[in-house]
Amino acid sequence: MAEKNIFISLGSNLGNRLENLTKALILLEADDIRVLVISPIYETLPWGFESTSFYNACAELETTMTPEHLIKTLLKVEEKLGRVRNSEDGYSARIIDLDILSFDDLIINSSLLTLPHPRLHLRNFVLVPLSQIAPSWRHPILKKSISTLIHESPDKALCNPFPLSFWTPKIFEASAFIVIEGNIGVGKTTLAKKISDRYQVPILLERFADNPYLKLFYNEPEKYALDVETFFLHDRLKQVDNFWSQNTGPAVADYVLYKSLVFAAQNLDSETFKKYKASFLKCINKQKSPSILVFLTAEVPYLQNQIKKRGRSYEQNIEDAYLKKIEIGYKKMLETELPFLVLKIDAATYDFKESEQGFQHLLRKIYGAKFL
């Protein structure tokens, strides 16, 4: 995508305001648009009329669209969420309000679009969130910084911010059992733990360190392949049964039982694998299926870097070729007809481990998978 400084504003004061803003971002991201950064949400009184308070925010976008194409896309998103603009719209309550604030330093004045937004410098509910994501932005016509515009703003309304985590969508309302999967080192356990902590739901974690054959397998894979895979399968089944005997509500896990076939297919000879698969299929029908499988993808160099970072001694000799084999195995698994929704996400695109922005991006993806 082209490198441009594109900023939009979002607002809602009807219905579920947070859900409206979140769905707007999700619908934009489903198009040729990437949401780079979102501001905190600010609760503000209506500007120019009396009604319930608005939730307002700003976002920086990246897209190959022209300004005219982008504004048409924003209007389509508004329409999908239940708003239809008309010439008498004016200042009124609305389920969603999306505007382009600026598009690079372009100055446009047409029947379709005016850039920069003609009232941008008059509204604190735009200036304040914009300053959070673009502190160095300058108005291309007024030639003033965002801080100067805030200082000179005639709008004296207070903007009350929520923490960035306030954006957190209710992903478990749509998907009661969320499973994170991916190759070795991709970050599935990290993401599962973050989700468990944020939503305060129980977590099912793979007990990789308890397999007594694992270290032996990494040194002599052919000799210990069946031992390691058989132990994993039986241990996973026992662990899953025990987990669901103690938990009945929403939950998150860092592995799906189908991964047993992925690794077994790579590590066992064809005849042994056939027997293993037959045993697996008899067991899997009795197990609870995920509502959604979030599959994290990454290139081998990224995986090797993460493996080295976490420092498990028995993983340090894993070769690129083995990670490639596992990648191929997962690909084959995802190409089969699985009894649950699969969402693929590039783990290297957003830093969900350290960045709240990156984490929110992933949560939006999970939340949006059920209604897009």
Protein backbone atom coordinates (compact mmCIF):
# COMPACT_ATOMS: atom_id res chain seq x y z
CA MET A 1 0.00 0.00 0.00
CA ALA A 2 1.09 3.56 -0.66
CA GLU A 3 2.64 5.55 2.17
CA LYS A 4 0.21 8.37 2.95
CA ASN A 5 -0.91 10.27 6.02
CA ILE A 6 -4.65 9.67 6.06
CA PHE A 7 -6.76 10.48 9.11
CA ILE A 8 -10.46 9.92 9.70
CA SER A 9 -12.84 10.66 12.54
CA LEU A 10 -15.45 8.28 13.93
CA GLY A 11 -18.46 9.12 16.08
CA SER A 12 -21.62 7.49 17.42
CA ASN A 13 -24.33 8.44 19.91
CA LEU A 14 -27.13 5.99 19.07
CA GLY A 15 -27.42 2.34 20.02
CA ASN A 16 -24.33 0.50 21.20
CA ARG A 17 -21.80 3.25 20.56
CA LEU A 18 -18.67 1.16 21.15
CA GLU A 19 -19.94 -1.64 18.94
CA ASN A 20 -20.79 0.85 16.19
CA LEU A 21 -17.26 2.31 16.18
CA THR A 22 -15.67 -1.14 16.30
CA LYS A 23 -17.79 -2.49 13.46
CA ALA A 24 -16.96 0.57 11.37
CA LEU A 25 -13.24 -0.18 11.71
CA ILE A 26 -13.80 -3.86 10.93
CA LEU A 27 -15.76 -3.04 7.78
CA LEU A 28 -13.06 -0.63 6.65
CA GLU A 29 -10.36 -3.24 7.26
CA ALA A 30 -12.33 -5.71 5.15
CA ASP A 31 -11.74 -3.40 2.17
CA ASP A 32 -8.47 -2.13 0.65
CA ILE A 33 -7.72 -0.32 3.91
CA ARG A 34 -5.39 -0.94 6.81
CA VAL A 35 -6.06 0.75 10.13
CA LEU A 36 -2.61 1.72 11.39
CA VAL A 37 -3.43 3.46 14.67
CA ILE A 38 -6.57 4.24 16.64
CA SER A 39 -6.93 6.96 19.24
CA PRO A 40 -8.53 6.41 22.63
CA ILE A 41 -12.29 6.86 22.61
CA TYR A 42 -13.53 10.17 24.01
CA GLU A 43 -17.00 10.74 25.40
CA THR A 44 -18.21 14.21 24.43
CA LEU A 45 -21.42 16.20 24.45
CA PRO A 46 -23.09 16.74 21.06
CA TRP A 47 -21.71 19.66 19.03
CA GLY A 48 -24.41 22.05 17.74
CA PHE A 49 -27.47 20.24 19.10
CA GLU A 50 -28.84 18.53 22.21
CA SER A 51 -28.82 14.75 22.50
CA THR A 52 -27.03 11.89 24.26
CA SER A 53 -23.23 11.96 24.47
CA PHE A 54 -21.06 10.80 21.59
CA TYR A 55 -18.22 8.36 21.55
CA ASN A 56 -15.58 9.93 19.29
CA ALA A 57 -12.22 8.73 18.03
CA CYS A 58 -9.72 9.19 15.22
CA ALA A 59 -7.78 6.66 13.19
CA GLU A 60 -4.86 6.70 10.80
CA LEU A 61 -5.35 4.65 7.65
CA GLU A 62 -3.22 3.23 4.89
CA THR A 63 -4.82 2.60 1.50
CA THR A 64 -4.26 2.73 -2.24
CA MET A 65 -7.66 4.39 -2.68
CA THR A 66 -8.04 7.93 -3.95
CA PRO A 67 -9.70 10.43 -1.57
CA GLU A 68 -12.89 10.21 -3.63
CA HIS A 69 -12.91 6.41 -3.48
CA LEU A 70 -12.23 6.49 0.25
CA ILE A 71 -15.11 8.85 1.08
CA LYS A 72 -17.47 6.66 -0.95
CA THR A 73 -16.24 3.66 1.04
CA LEU A 74 -16.86 5.48 4.32
CA LEU A 75 -20.40 6.31 3.20
CA LYS A 76 -21.02 2.66 2.29
CA VAL A 77 -19.84 1.60 5.74
CA GLU A 78 -22.20 4.11 7.33
CA GLU A 79 -25.05 2.71 5.25
CA LYS A 80 -24.22 -0.87 6.25
CA LEU A 81 -24.39 0.17 9.89
CA GLY A 82 -27.81 1.76 9.43
CA ARG A 83 -27.17 5.40 8.57
CA VAL A 84 -28.26 7.02 5.35
CA ARG A 85 -27.08 10.61 4.88
CA ASN A 86 -29.29 13.22 3.24
CA SER A 87 -29.11 16.92 2.50
CA GLU A 88 -31.02 17.74 5.69
CA ASP A 89 -28.82 15.59 7.95
CA GLY A 90 -27.14 18.57 9.62
CA TYR A 91 -26.33 18.28 13.31
CA SER A 92 -28.29 15.31 14.62
CA ALA A 93 -27.98 12.08 16.56
CA ARG A 94 -26.53 9.27 14.48
CA ILE A 95 -25.60 5.63 14.74
CA ILE A 96 -22.27 6.27 13.00
CA ASP A 97 -20.44 9.25 11.57
CA LEU A 98 -17.30 8.79 9.47
CA ASP A 99 -15.34 11.68 7.96
CA ILE A 100 -12.00 12.10 6.25
CA LEU A 101 -10.06 14.73 8.18
CA SER A 102 -7.03 14.94 5.93
CA PHE A 103 -5.41 13.00 3.11
CA ASP A 104 -1.71 13.78 2.93
CA ASP A 105 -1.53 17.56 2.39
CA LEU A 106 -4.17 17.55 -0.32
CA ILE A 107 -6.52 20.51 -0.57
CA ILE A 108 -9.80 19.52 -2.24
CA ASN A 109 -13.04 21.42 -2.61
CA SER A 110 -15.59 19.50 -4.63
CA SER A 111 -19.25 18.54 -4.41
CA LEU A 112 -18.20 15.18 -3.01
CA LEU A 113 -15.39 16.09 -0.65
CA THR A 114 -13.67 19.00 1.09
CA LEU A 115 -10.14 18.46 2.43
CA PRO A 116 -8.94 19.11 4.99
CA HIS A 117 -12.28 18.80 6.75
CA PRO A 118 -13.69 22.35 6.85
CA ARG A 119 -14.65 22.25 10.54
CA LEU A 120 -11.73 20.19 11.80
CA HIS A 121 -10.08 23.14 13.59
CA LEU A 122 -13.32 24.11 15.35
CA ARG A 123 -14.06 20.85 17.13
CA ASN A 124 -12.29 19.56 20.21
CA PHE A 125 -13.81 16.11 19.79
CA VAL A 126 -11.77 15.86 16.59
CA LEU A 127 -8.67 17.85 17.53
CA VAL A 128 -7.99 16.06 20.84
CA PRO A 129 -8.12 12.44 19.58
CA LEU A 130 -6.26 13.47 16.41
CA SER A 131 -3.47 14.93 18.55
CA GLN A 132 -3.06 11.53 20.24
CA ILE A 133 -2.23 9.72 17.00
CA ALA A 134 -0.68 12.57 14.97
CA PRO A 135 1.06 15.00 17.37
CA SER A 136 3.20 16.44 14.55
CA TRP A 137 0.34 16.96 12.08
CA ARG A 138 -0.01 20.46 10.58
CA HIS A 139 -3.08 21.93 8.91
CA PRO A 140 -2.17 22.28 5.19
CA ILE A 141 -4.20 25.49 4.77
CA LEU A 142 -3.88 27.22 8.14
CA LYS A 143 -0.23 26.12 8.45
CA LYS A 144 -0.68 25.50 12.16
CA SER A 145 0.28 22.53 14.32
CA ILE A 146 -2.33 20.38 16.02
CA SER A 147 -1.26 21.72 19.44
CA THR A 148 -1.75 25.30 18.25
CA LEU A 149 -5.16 24.45 16.83
CA ILE A 150 -6.23 22.97 20.16
CA HIS A 151 -4.97 26.05 22.00
CA GLU A 152 -6.83 28.39 19.63
CA SER A 153 -9.99 26.28 19.35
CA PRO A 154 -13.21 28.22 20.07
CA ASP A 155 -14.76 24.96 21.28
CA LYS A 156 -14.53 24.82 25.08
CA ALA A 157 -16.11 21.37 25.42
CA LEU A 158 -14.22 18.85 27.53
CA CYS A 159 -13.25 15.53 25.98
CA ASN A 160 -13.18 12.71 28.51
CA PRO A 161 -10.89 9.86 27.41
CA PHE A 162 -11.20 6.17 28.07
CA PRO A 163 -8.06 4.01 28.14
CA LEU A 164 -7.14 2.43 24.81
CA SER A 165 -8.21 -0.93 26.23
CA PHE A 166 -11.79 0.41 26.30
CA TRP A 167 -11.94 -0.52 22.59
CA THR A 168 -11.85 -4.22 23.57
CA PRO A 169 -14.71 -5.92 21.66
CA LYS A 170 -16.89 -8.63 23.18
CA ILE A 171 -15.40 -11.48 21.18
CA PHE A 172 -16.85 -14.20 23.38
CA GLU A 173 -20.42 -13.13 22.63
CA ALA A 174 -19.90 -14.44 19.09
CA SER A 175 -17.36 -17.22 19.77
CA ALA A 176 -17.62 -19.02 23.10
CA PHE A 177 -14.55 -21.23 22.59
CA ILE A 178 -11.62 -19.54 20.86
CA VAL A 179 -8.56 -21.56 19.91
CA ILE A 180 -5.22 -20.07 18.84
CA GLU A 181 -2.99 -22.20 16.61
CA GLY A 182 0.12 -21.94 14.47
CA ASN A 183 3.66 -23.15 13.97
CA ILE A 184 6.26 -23.46 16.72
CA GLY A 185 7.26 -20.03 18.04
CA VAL A 186 4.47 -18.06 16.34
CA GLY A 187 3.08 -16.71 19.63
CA LYS A 188 -0.10 -18.73 20.12
CA THR A 189 0.40 -19.19 23.87
CA THR A 190 1.20 -15.50 24.35
CA LEU A 191 -1.96 -14.47 22.52
CA ALA A 192 -4.12 -17.03 24.33
CA LYS A 193 -2.85 -15.80 27.71
CA LYS A 194 -3.47 -12.15 26.79
CA ILE A 195 -7.03 -12.98 25.78
CA SER A 196 -7.58 -15.00 28.95
CA ASP A 197 -6.27 -12.14 31.11
CA ARG A 198 -8.24 -9.43 29.29
CA TYR A 199 -11.58 -11.26 29.32
CA GLN A 200 -11.05 -13.19 32.55
CA VAL A 201 -11.91 -16.54 30.97
CA PRO A 202 -10.29 -19.93 31.71
CA ILE A 203 -7.43 -21.00 29.47
CA LEU A 204 -6.46 -24.43 28.17
CA LEU A 205 -2.70 -24.57 27.62
CA GLU A 206 -0.76 -27.34 25.93
CA ARG A 207 1.52 -29.21 28.33
CA PHE A 208 4.47 -29.52 25.98
CA ALA A 209 7.07 -29.73 28.76
CA ASP A 210 5.40 -32.77 30.35
CA ASN A 211 6.04 -35.06 27.39
CA PRO A 212 8.94 -37.29 28.52
CA TYR A 213 9.83 -38.14 24.90
CA LEU A 214 10.04 -34.60 23.53
CA LYS A 215 13.72 -33.91 24.22
CA LEU A 216 14.63 -37.36 22.93
CA PHE A 217 12.57 -36.78 19.80
CA TYR A 218 14.36 -33.55 18.90
CA ASN A 219 17.67 -35.44 19.02
CA GLU A 220 16.46 -38.68 17.36
CA PRO A 221 13.18 -37.94 15.57
CA GLU A 222 12.73 -41.23 13.72
CA LYS A 223 13.29 -43.38 16.80
CA TYR A 224 10.93 -41.49 19.11
CA ALA A 225 8.29 -40.16 16.68
CA LEU A 226 5.52 -42.62 17.56
CA ASP A 227 6.22 -42.36 21.28
CA VAL A 228 6.08 -38.58 21.29
CA GLU A 229 2.92 -38.36 19.15
CA THR A 230 1.05 -41.09 21.04
CA PHE A 231 1.84 -39.46 24.37
CA PHE A 232 0.76 -36.05 23.07
CA LEU A 233 -2.56 -37.38 21.78
CA HIS A 234 -3.48 -39.25 24.97
CA ASP A 235 -2.32 -36.40 27.18
CA ARG A 236 -4.24 -33.81 25.14
CA LEU A 237 -7.43 -35.88 25.27
CA LYS A 238 -7.10 -36.37 29.02
CA GLN A 239 -6.36 -32.67 29.55
CA VAL A 240 -9.29 -31.53 27.39
CA ASP A 241 -11.73 -33.87 29.18
CA ASN A 242 -10.55 -32.62 32.54
CA PHE A 243 -10.75 -28.97 31.44
CA TRP A 244 -14.36 -29.19 30.27
CA SER A 245 -15.40 -31.13 33.33
CA GLN A 246 -14.45 -28.03 35.34
CA ASN A 247 -15.50 -25.27 32.90
CA THR A 248 -18.80 -24.75 31.11
CA GLY A 249 -18.61 -21.14 29.88
CA PRO A 250 -16.39 -19.17 27.47
CA ALA A 251 -12.78 -20.30 27.19
CA VAL A 252 -9.60 -19.91 25.15
CA ALA A 253 -6.95 -22.50 24.23
CA ASP A 254 -3.51 -22.41 22.63
CA TYR A 255 -3.95 -25.61 20.63
CA VAL A 256 -6.55 -27.56 18.69
CA LEU A 257 -6.69 -31.35 18.90
CA TYR A 258 -6.37 -31.58 15.11
CA LYS A 259 -2.73 -30.50 15.47
CA SER A 260 -2.01 -34.09 16.51
CA LEU A 261 -2.57 -35.12 12.88
CA VAL A 262 -0.38 -32.29 11.59
CA PHE A 263 2.67 -33.31 13.58
CA ALA A 264 2.03 -37.05 13.30
CA ALA A 265 1.81 -36.80 9.51
CA GLN A 266 5.26 -35.20 9.41
CA ASN A 267 6.90 -37.48 11.94
CA LEU A 268 5.45 -40.95 11.27
CA ASP A 269 5.88 -43.23 8.27
CA SER A 270 2.77 -43.62 6.10
CA GLU A 271 1.65 -46.99 7.46
CA THR A 272 2.03 -45.96 11.11
CA PHE A 273 0.26 -42.68 10.40
CA LYS A 274 -2.80 -44.45 8.94
CA LYS A 275 -3.27 -46.39 12.19
CA TYR A 276 -2.64 -43.26 14.24
CA LYS A 277 -5.20 -41.28 12.23
CA ALA A 278 -7.87 -43.98 12.58
CA SER A 279 -7.42 -43.90 16.36
CA PHE A 280 -7.52 -40.09 16.37
CA LEU A 281 -10.77 -39.84 14.38
CA LYS A 282 -12.55 -42.19 16.79
CA CYS A 283 -11.62 -39.89 19.69
CA ILE A 284 -12.21 -36.48 18.11
CA ASN A 285 -15.96 -36.94 17.51
CA LYS A 286 -16.53 -36.94 21.26
CA GLN A 287 -14.71 -33.64 21.83
CA LYS A 288 -15.98 -30.04 22.00
CA SER A 289 -15.20 -28.15 18.79
CA PRO A 290 -13.86 -24.58 18.79
CA SER A 291 -16.21 -21.77 17.81
CA ILE A 292 -13.31 -20.29 15.85
CA LEU A 293 -9.72 -21.28 15.15
CA VAL A 294 -7.40 -18.26 15.00
CA PHE A 295 -4.46 -19.45 12.95
CA LEU A 296 -1.31 -17.34 13.30
CA THR A 297 1.04 -17.43 10.32
CA ALA A 298 4.69 -16.31 10.05
CA GLU A 299 7.78 -16.88 7.94
CA VAL A 300 10.44 -19.29 9.19
CA PRO A 301 13.01 -16.56 10.07
CA TYR A 302 10.40 -14.92 12.33
CA LEU A 303 9.69 -18.27 14.00
CA GLN A 304 13.39 -19.00 14.55
CA ASN A 305 13.89 -15.58 16.09
CA GLN A 306 11.01 -16.14 18.50
CA ILE A 307 12.23 -19.64 19.37
CA LYS A 308 15.65 -18.26 20.25
CA LYS A 309 14.10 -15.47 22.32
CA ARG A 310 12.11 -17.80 24.55
CA GLY A 311 15.19 -19.92 25.13
CA ARG A 312 13.85 -23.46 25.57
CA SER A 313 17.02 -25.53 25.40
CA TYR A 314 15.45 -28.51 23.61
CA GLU A 315 14.07 -26.25 20.84
CA GLN A 316 17.32 -24.52 19.91
CA ASN A 317 18.30 -27.17 17.36
CA ILE A 318 15.03 -27.12 15.43
CA GLU A 319 15.94 -26.77 11.77
CA ASP A 320 14.27 -24.52 9.20
CA ALA A 321 13.31 -27.60 7.19
CA TYR A 322 11.34 -29.03 10.12
CA LEU A 323 9.43 -25.77 10.62
CA LYS A 324 8.69 -25.75 6.90
CA LYS A 325 7.34 -29.30 7.13
CA ILE A 326 5.05 -28.31 9.98
CA GLU A 327 3.87 -25.30 7.98
CA ILE A 328 2.96 -27.57 5.08
CA GLY A 329 1.16 -29.92 7.48
CA TYR A 330 -0.95 -27.09 8.90
CA LYS A 331 -1.73 -25.90 5.38
CA LYS A 332 -3.08 -29.34 4.50
CA MET A 333 -5.12 -29.38 7.71
CA LEU A 334 -6.69 -26.01 6.90
CA GLU A 335 -7.54 -27.17 3.39
CA THR A 336 -9.75 -29.96 4.76
CA GLU A 337 -13.36 -29.45 5.82
CA LEU A 338 -12.99 -28.54 9.48
CA PRO A 339 -16.12 -28.31 11.67
CA PHE A 340 -15.35 -24.73 12.77
CA LEU A 341 -14.53 -21.30 11.41
CA VAL A 342 -10.86 -20.58 10.62
CA LEU A 343 -9.36 -17.08 10.73
CA LYS A 344 -5.81 -16.62 9.42
CA ILE A 345 -3.74 -13.74 10.80
CA ASP A 346 -0.14 -12.77 10.01
CA ALA A 347 1.54 -12.74 13.43
CA ALA A 348 4.33 -10.46 12.23
CA THR A 349 2.03 -7.71 10.92
CA TYR A 350 1.04 -6.32 14.32
CA ASP A 351 2.90 -6.55 17.60
CA PHE A 352 0.13 -8.02 19.75
CA LYS A 353 2.66 -9.08 22.41
CA GLU A 354 3.79 -5.62 23.48
CA SER A 355 1.44 -3.19 21.73
CA GLU A 356 -2.15 -2.50 22.75
CA GLN A 357 -2.72 -1.22 19.20
CA GLY A 358 -1.61 -4.56 17.77
CA PHE A 359 -3.66 -6.50 20.31
CA GLN A 360 -6.77 -4.48 19.50
CA HIS A 361 -6.23 -5.16 15.80
CA LEU A 362 -6.28 -8.91 16.43
CA LEU A 363 -9.33 -8.66 18.67
CA ARG A 364 -11.18 -6.75 15.93
CA LYS A 365 -10.29 -9.49 13.47
CA ILE A 366 -11.66 -12.16 15.80
CA TYR A 367 -14.77 -10.15 16.59
CA GLY A 368 -15.44 -9.37 12.93
CA ALA A 369 -15.02 -12.94 11.69
CA LYS A 370 -18.55 -13.80 12.80
CA PHE A 371 -20.45 -10.99 11.10
CA LEU A 372 -18.48 -10.18 7.94
